[in-house]
């Protein structure tokens, strides 16, 4: 497929891209001292950990659950941060 070869778009087909998104968002919550927000990322982290520890490391088939829900999880994590920011200011 020609789309997989376009710069920038090819990242969406890479398993490492989603692993980095999960890790970066978790570290963002840690930097904000929002440890309850990390709970949202635990299922994705468990899938990533099982992929890293399995003999089939980097196989797209095993990363599909993370690839499908990562944008919902990131939106929920950002929404959780915004909600806590509003309640902390009151």
N, C-alpha and C. Protein backbone atom coordinates (compact mmCIF):
# COMPACT_ATOMS: atom_id res chain seq x y z
N UNK A 1 0.84 -1.17 0.00
CA UNK A 1 0.00 0.00 0.00
C UNK A 1 0.88 1.24 0.00
N UNK A 2 0.56 2.20 -0.81
CA UNK A 2 1.36 3.41 -0.95
C UNK A 2 1.25 4.31 0.27
N UNK A 3 0.13 4.25 0.99
CA UNK A 3 -0.07 5.11 2.16
C UNK A 3 0.95 4.78 3.25
N UNK A 4 1.30 3.52 3.38
CA UNK A 4 2.26 3.11 4.41
C UNK A 4 3.65 3.68 4.18
N UNK A 5 3.93 4.16 2.98
CA UNK A 5 5.26 4.69 2.66
C UNK A 5 5.36 6.20 2.78
N UNK A 6 4.23 6.88 3.04
CA UNK A 6 4.25 8.35 3.16
C UNK A 6 4.88 8.76 4.49
N UNK A 7 5.75 9.77 4.48
CA UNK A 7 6.36 10.21 5.73
C UNK A 7 5.29 10.77 6.69
N UNK A 8 5.40 10.39 7.93
CA UNK A 8 4.44 10.83 8.94
C UNK A 8 3.27 9.87 9.07
N UNK A 9 2.69 9.48 7.95
CA UNK A 9 1.58 8.53 7.96
C UNK A 9 2.10 7.14 8.32
N UNK A 10 3.33 6.84 7.95
CA UNK A 10 3.88 5.52 8.23
C UNK A 10 4.01 5.25 9.73
N UNK A 11 4.05 6.30 10.54
CA UNK A 11 4.09 6.11 11.99
C UNK A 11 2.83 5.45 12.53
N UNK A 12 1.70 5.71 11.88
CA UNK A 12 0.44 5.13 12.33
C UNK A 12 0.40 3.62 12.16
N UNK A 13 1.29 3.08 11.34
CA UNK A 13 1.34 1.64 11.11
C UNK A 13 2.48 0.98 11.88
N UNK A 14 3.18 1.74 12.71
CA UNK A 14 4.30 1.23 13.48
C UNK A 14 3.86 0.93 14.91
N UNK A 15 4.25 -0.23 15.43
CA UNK A 15 3.86 -0.60 16.79
C UNK A 15 4.60 0.23 17.84
N UNK A 16 5.80 0.65 17.54
CA UNK A 16 6.57 1.43 18.49
C UNK A 16 5.98 2.80 18.76
N UNK A 17 5.30 3.37 17.78
CA UNK A 17 4.67 4.67 17.93
C UNK A 17 3.64 4.65 19.05
N UNK A 18 2.85 3.62 19.12
CA UNK A 18 1.80 3.51 20.13
C UNK A 18 2.39 3.22 21.51
N UNK A 19 3.47 2.48 21.53
CA UNK A 19 4.16 2.24 22.80
C UNK A 19 4.67 3.55 23.37
N UNK A 20 5.26 4.39 22.53
CA UNK A 20 5.77 5.67 23.00
C UNK A 20 4.64 6.59 23.44
N UNK A 21 3.50 6.55 22.76
CA UNK A 21 2.37 7.39 23.18
C UNK A 21 1.93 7.01 24.58
N UNK A 22 1.81 5.71 24.84
CA UNK A 22 1.39 5.24 26.17
C UNK A 22 2.39 5.71 27.22
N UNK A 23 3.68 5.53 26.96
CA UNK A 23 4.70 5.90 27.94
C UNK A 23 4.77 7.41 28.16
N UNK A 24 4.67 8.18 27.09
CA UNK A 24 4.73 9.65 27.21
C UNK A 24 3.53 10.17 27.98
N UNK A 25 2.34 9.64 27.70
CA UNK A 25 1.16 10.11 28.42
C UNK A 25 1.22 9.72 29.90
N UNK A 26 1.75 8.55 30.20
CA UNK A 26 1.89 8.16 31.60
C UNK A 26 2.88 9.08 32.32
N UNK A 27 3.99 9.41 31.68
CA UNK A 27 4.96 10.30 32.29
C UNK A 27 4.40 11.71 32.43
N UNK A 28 3.52 12.11 31.52
CA UNK A 28 2.88 13.42 31.64
C UNK A 28 2.01 13.46 32.89
N UNK A 29 1.28 12.39 33.15
CA UNK A 29 0.47 12.33 34.36
C UNK A 29 1.35 12.32 35.61
N UNK A 30 2.47 11.61 35.56
CA UNK A 30 3.37 11.58 36.71
C UNK A 30 3.96 12.97 36.95
N UNK A 31 4.31 13.68 35.88
CA UNK A 31 4.88 15.02 36.05
C UNK A 31 3.88 16.00 36.66
N UNK A 32 2.60 15.76 36.41
CA UNK A 32 1.55 16.60 37.00
C UNK A 32 1.12 16.10 38.37
N UNK A 33 1.79 15.07 38.87
CA UNK A 33 1.48 14.44 40.16
C UNK A 33 0.04 13.94 40.20
N UNK A 34 -0.42 13.45 39.07
CA UNK A 34 -1.77 12.91 38.94
C UNK A 34 -1.66 11.39 38.79
N UNK A 35 -1.47 10.73 39.93
CA UNK A 35 -1.23 9.29 39.89
C UNK A 35 -2.51 8.50 39.65
N UNK A 36 -3.66 9.07 39.92
CA UNK A 36 -4.93 8.39 39.62
C UNK A 36 -5.18 8.34 38.12
N UNK A 37 -4.65 9.28 37.38
CA UNK A 37 -4.83 9.30 35.93
C UNK A 37 -4.08 8.20 35.21
N UNK A 38 -3.10 7.61 35.86
CA UNK A 38 -2.32 6.53 35.25
C UNK A 38 -3.16 5.27 35.11
N UNK A 39 -4.19 5.13 35.92
CA UNK A 39 -5.03 3.93 35.89
C UNK A 39 -5.64 3.73 34.50
N UNK A 40 -5.90 4.80 33.79
CA UNK A 40 -6.48 4.71 32.45
C UNK A 40 -5.55 3.96 31.50
N UNK A 41 -4.26 4.07 31.69
CA UNK A 41 -3.29 3.51 30.76
C UNK A 41 -2.85 2.09 31.13
N UNK A 42 -3.29 1.56 32.25
CA UNK A 42 -2.84 0.24 32.69
C UNK A 42 -3.19 -0.86 31.69
N UNK A 43 -4.41 -0.93 31.14
CA UNK A 43 -4.67 -1.99 30.15
C UNK A 43 -3.75 -1.92 28.93
N UNK A 44 -3.52 -0.71 28.44
CA UNK A 44 -2.60 -0.56 27.29
C UNK A 44 -1.19 -0.95 27.67
N UNK A 45 -0.77 -0.59 28.87
CA UNK A 45 0.56 -0.94 29.33
C UNK A 45 0.72 -2.45 29.49
N UNK A 46 -0.35 -3.13 29.92
CA UNK A 46 -0.28 -4.58 30.05
C UNK A 46 -0.15 -5.26 28.68
N UNK A 47 -0.83 -4.74 27.68
CA UNK A 47 -0.70 -5.29 26.32
C UNK A 47 0.70 -5.05 25.79
N UNK A 48 1.23 -3.84 26.02
CA UNK A 48 2.60 -3.53 25.58
C UNK A 48 3.60 -4.43 26.29
N UNK A 49 3.41 -4.65 27.60
CA UNK A 49 4.32 -5.50 28.35
C UNK A 49 4.26 -6.94 27.85
N UNK A 50 3.08 -7.42 27.52
CA UNK A 50 2.98 -8.79 27.01
C UNK A 50 3.63 -8.90 25.64
N UNK A 51 3.57 -7.84 24.84
CA UNK A 51 4.24 -7.87 23.53
C UNK A 51 5.76 -7.83 23.68
N UNK A 52 6.24 -7.06 24.65
CA UNK A 52 7.69 -6.96 24.86
C UNK A 52 8.25 -8.28 25.40
N UNK A 53 7.49 -8.93 26.27
CA UNK A 53 7.97 -10.16 26.90
C UNK A 53 7.73 -11.40 26.06
N UNK A 54 6.93 -11.31 25.02
CA UNK A 54 6.63 -12.48 24.20
C UNK A 54 7.70 -12.66 23.12
N UNK A 55 7.76 -13.86 22.54
CA UNK A 55 8.73 -14.08 21.46
C UNK A 55 8.36 -13.34 20.17
N UNK A 56 7.10 -12.93 20.04
CA UNK A 56 6.63 -12.23 18.84
C UNK A 56 6.66 -10.72 19.05
N UNK A 57 7.75 -10.18 19.53
CA UNK A 57 7.86 -8.76 19.82
C UNK A 57 7.74 -7.94 18.54
N UNK A 58 6.90 -6.93 18.56
CA UNK A 58 6.75 -6.02 17.42
C UNK A 58 5.75 -6.49 16.38
N UNK A 59 5.05 -7.58 16.63
CA UNK A 59 4.06 -8.06 15.67
C UNK A 59 2.80 -7.21 15.79
N UNK A 60 2.33 -6.69 14.68
CA UNK A 60 1.19 -5.77 14.68
C UNK A 60 -0.06 -6.47 15.21
N UNK A 61 -0.17 -7.76 14.99
CA UNK A 61 -1.36 -8.50 15.41
C UNK A 61 -1.58 -8.39 16.91
N UNK A 62 -0.52 -8.39 17.68
CA UNK A 62 -0.65 -8.35 19.14
C UNK A 62 -0.80 -6.92 19.67
N UNK A 63 -0.48 -5.94 18.88
CA UNK A 63 -0.62 -4.54 19.29
C UNK A 63 -1.94 -3.92 18.83
N UNK A 64 -2.74 -4.65 18.09
CA UNK A 64 -4.00 -4.10 17.57
C UNK A 64 -4.92 -3.56 18.66
N UNK A 65 -5.07 -4.23 19.83
CA UNK A 65 -5.93 -3.63 20.86
C UNK A 65 -5.48 -2.23 21.27
N UNK A 66 -4.18 -2.03 21.40
CA UNK A 66 -3.66 -0.71 21.77
C UNK A 66 -3.85 0.27 20.62
N UNK A 67 -3.62 -0.20 19.41
CA UNK A 67 -3.74 0.67 18.25
C UNK A 67 -5.18 1.15 18.05
N UNK A 68 -6.14 0.34 18.45
CA UNK A 68 -7.54 0.72 18.27
C UNK A 68 -8.05 1.67 19.35
N UNK A 69 -7.59 1.52 20.58
CA UNK A 69 -8.16 2.31 21.67
C UNK A 69 -7.27 3.46 22.15
N UNK A 70 -6.09 3.62 21.60
CA UNK A 70 -5.15 4.60 22.15
C UNK A 70 -5.71 6.02 22.06
N UNK A 71 -6.41 6.36 21.00
CA UNK A 71 -6.90 7.73 20.86
C UNK A 71 -8.02 8.01 21.85
N UNK A 72 -8.84 7.01 22.15
CA UNK A 72 -9.89 7.16 23.16
C UNK A 72 -9.25 7.30 24.54
N UNK A 73 -8.23 6.50 24.80
CA UNK A 73 -7.56 6.53 26.10
C UNK A 73 -6.83 7.86 26.30
N UNK A 74 -6.18 8.34 25.28
CA UNK A 74 -5.48 9.63 25.38
C UNK A 74 -6.49 10.76 25.60
N UNK A 75 -7.62 10.73 24.89
CA UNK A 75 -8.65 11.76 25.09
C UNK A 75 -9.21 11.69 26.51
N UNK A 76 -9.41 10.48 27.02
CA UNK A 76 -9.91 10.33 28.39
C UNK A 76 -8.88 10.83 29.40
N UNK A 77 -7.60 10.56 29.16
CA UNK A 77 -6.55 11.03 30.05
C UNK A 77 -6.43 12.54 30.08
N UNK A 78 -6.51 13.16 28.92
CA UNK A 78 -6.45 14.62 28.85
C UNK A 78 -7.69 15.24 29.48
N UNK A 79 -8.85 14.62 29.24
CA UNK A 79 -10.08 15.10 29.88
C UNK A 79 -10.02 14.99 31.38
N UNK A 80 -9.40 13.91 31.88
CA UNK A 80 -9.25 13.75 33.33
C UNK A 80 -8.35 14.84 33.91
N UNK A 81 -7.27 15.16 33.19
CA UNK A 81 -6.39 16.24 33.65
C UNK A 81 -7.12 17.58 33.67
N UNK A 82 -7.91 17.86 32.63
CA UNK A 82 -8.66 19.12 32.56
C UNK A 82 -9.69 19.19 33.68
N UNK A 83 -10.36 18.09 33.94
CA UNK A 83 -11.36 18.08 35.02
C UNK A 83 -10.72 18.35 36.37
N UNK A 84 -9.57 17.74 36.62
CA UNK A 84 -8.88 17.95 37.89
C UNK A 84 -8.32 19.36 37.99
N UNK A 85 -7.91 19.94 36.88
CA UNK A 85 -7.39 21.31 36.90
C UNK A 85 -8.50 22.28 37.28
N UNK A 86 -9.70 22.05 36.77
CA UNK A 86 -10.83 22.93 37.06
C UNK A 86 -11.23 22.79 38.52
N UNK A 87 -11.28 21.58 39.06
CA UNK A 87 -11.71 21.39 40.44
C UNK A 87 -10.63 21.87 41.42
N UNK A 88 -9.37 21.83 41.03
CA UNK A 88 -8.31 22.30 41.93
C UNK A 88 -8.30 23.82 42.02
N UNK A 89 -8.72 24.50 40.97
CA UNK A 89 -8.73 25.96 40.97
C UNK A 89 -9.88 26.54 41.79
N UNK A 90 -10.96 25.76 42.00
CA UNK A 90 -12.12 26.26 42.74
C UNK A 90 -11.89 26.28 44.21
